[in-house]
Amino acid sequence: MITVEEVMDILQVSRSAAYHVMQRLNKELREKGYITHSGRIPRSYLMDRCGLQ
């Protein structure tokens, strides 16, 4: 699980943009039935959804 600071670094975006990305990805995960933790997302999911693998 990664934090907003890591998302900011990986995507090179502002803190507010990173939080927006995290909220969107957490929403997707909840819709798929996963339990999410506010302020954290799985690194693998971020990398996959952003095409960074």
C-alpha atoms as a PDB file:
ATOM      1  CA  MET A   1       0.000   0.000   0.000  1.00  0.00           C
ATOM      2  CA  ILE A   2       1.360   3.406  -0.897  1.00  0.00           C
ATOM      3  CA  THR A   3       0.625   6.872   0.427  1.00  0.00           C
ATOM      4  CA  VAL A   4      -0.141  10.168  -1.230  1.00  0.00           C
ATOM      5  CA  GLU A   5       3.531  11.208  -1.125  1.00  0.00           C
ATOM      6  CA  GLU A   6       4.527   8.156  -3.139  1.00  0.00           C
ATOM      7  CA  VAL A   7       1.711   8.742  -5.638  1.00  0.00           C
ATOM      8  CA  MET A   8       2.894  12.345  -6.019  1.00  0.00           C
ATOM      9  CA  ASP A   9       6.440  11.122  -6.704  1.00  0.00           C
ATOM     10  CA  ILE A  10       5.461   8.338  -9.120  1.00  0.00           C
ATOM     11  CA  LEU A  11       3.017  10.431 -11.165  1.00  0.00           C
ATOM     12  CA  GLN A  12       4.797  13.785 -10.716  1.00  0.00           C
ATOM     13  CA  VAL A  13       1.570  15.555  -9.726  1.00  0.00           C
ATOM     14  CA  SER A  14       0.452  17.880  -6.938  1.00  0.00           C
ATOM     15  CA  ARG A  15      -0.892  16.620  -3.622  1.00  0.00           C
ATOM     16  CA  SER A  16      -4.491  17.426  -4.584  1.00  0.00           C
ATOM     17  CA  ALA A  17      -4.144  15.626  -7.914  1.00  0.00           C
ATOM     18  CA  ALA A  18      -2.632  12.611  -6.160  1.00  0.00           C
ATOM     19  CA  TYR A  19      -5.542  12.484  -3.705  1.00  0.00           C
ATOM     20  CA  HIS A  20      -7.976  12.687  -6.630  1.00  0.00           C
ATOM     21  CA  VAL A  21      -6.264   9.728  -8.331  1.00  0.00           C
ATOM     22  CA  MET A  22      -6.309   7.757  -5.082  1.00  0.00           C
ATOM     23  CA  GLN A  23      -9.997   8.450  -4.504  1.00  0.00           C
ATOM     24  CA  ARG A  24     -10.838   7.351  -8.042  1.00  0.00           C
ATOM     25  CA  LEU A  25      -8.821   4.137  -7.768  1.00  0.00           C
ATOM     26  CA  ASN A  26     -10.251   3.324  -4.338  1.00  0.00           C
ATOM     27  CA  LYS A  27     -13.749   3.806  -5.743  1.00  0.00           C
ATOM     28  CA  GLU A  28     -12.954   1.371  -8.565  1.00  0.00           C
ATOM     29  CA  LEU A  29     -11.649  -1.164  -6.059  1.00  0.00           C
ATOM     30  CA  ARG A  30     -14.746  -0.833  -3.845  1.00  0.00           C
ATOM     31  CA  GLU A  31     -16.972  -1.392  -6.880  1.00  0.00           C
ATOM     32  CA  LYS A  32     -15.036  -4.604  -7.555  1.00  0.00           C
ATOM     33  CA  GLY A  33     -15.732  -5.737  -4.002  1.00  0.00           C
ATOM     34  CA  TYR A  34     -12.383  -4.990  -2.370  1.00  0.00           C
ATOM     35  CA  ILE A  35     -11.989  -3.432   1.051  1.00  0.00           C
ATOM     36  CA  THR A  36     -10.132  -0.129   0.746  1.00  0.00           C
ATOM     37  CA  HIS A  37      -8.250   2.091   3.151  1.00  0.00           C
ATOM     38  CA  SER A  38      -8.641   5.842   2.768  1.00  0.00           C
ATOM     39  CA  GLY A  39      -5.347   7.505   1.897  1.00  0.00           C
ATOM     40  CA  ARG A  40      -3.708   4.322   0.639  1.00  0.00           C
ATOM     41  CA  ILE A  41      -3.836   2.271  -2.551  1.00  0.00           C
ATOM     42  CA  PRO A  42      -2.046  -0.883  -3.688  1.00  0.00           C
ATOM     43  CA  ARG A  43       1.126   0.002  -5.601  1.00  0.00           C
ATOM     44  CA  SER A  44       0.455  -2.713  -8.203  1.00  0.00           C
ATOM     45  CA  TYR A  45      -3.035  -1.354  -8.912  1.00  0.00           C
ATOM     46  CA  LEU A  46      -1.723   2.198  -9.382  1.00  0.00           C
ATOM     47  CA  MET A  47       1.045   1.033 -11.693  1.00  0.00           C
ATOM     48  CA  ASP A  48      -1.327  -1.131 -13.725  1.00  0.00           C
ATOM     49  CA  ARG A  49      -4.055   1.526 -14.090  1.00  0.00           C
ATOM     50  CA  CYS A  50      -1.515   4.223 -15.043  1.00  0.00           C
ATOM     51  CA  GLY A  51       0.284   1.977 -17.522  1.00  0.00           C
ATOM     52  CA  LEU A  52       3.605   2.168 -15.695  1.00  0.00           C
ATOM     53  CA  GLN A  53       4.582  -1.506 -15.531  1.00  0.00           C
END
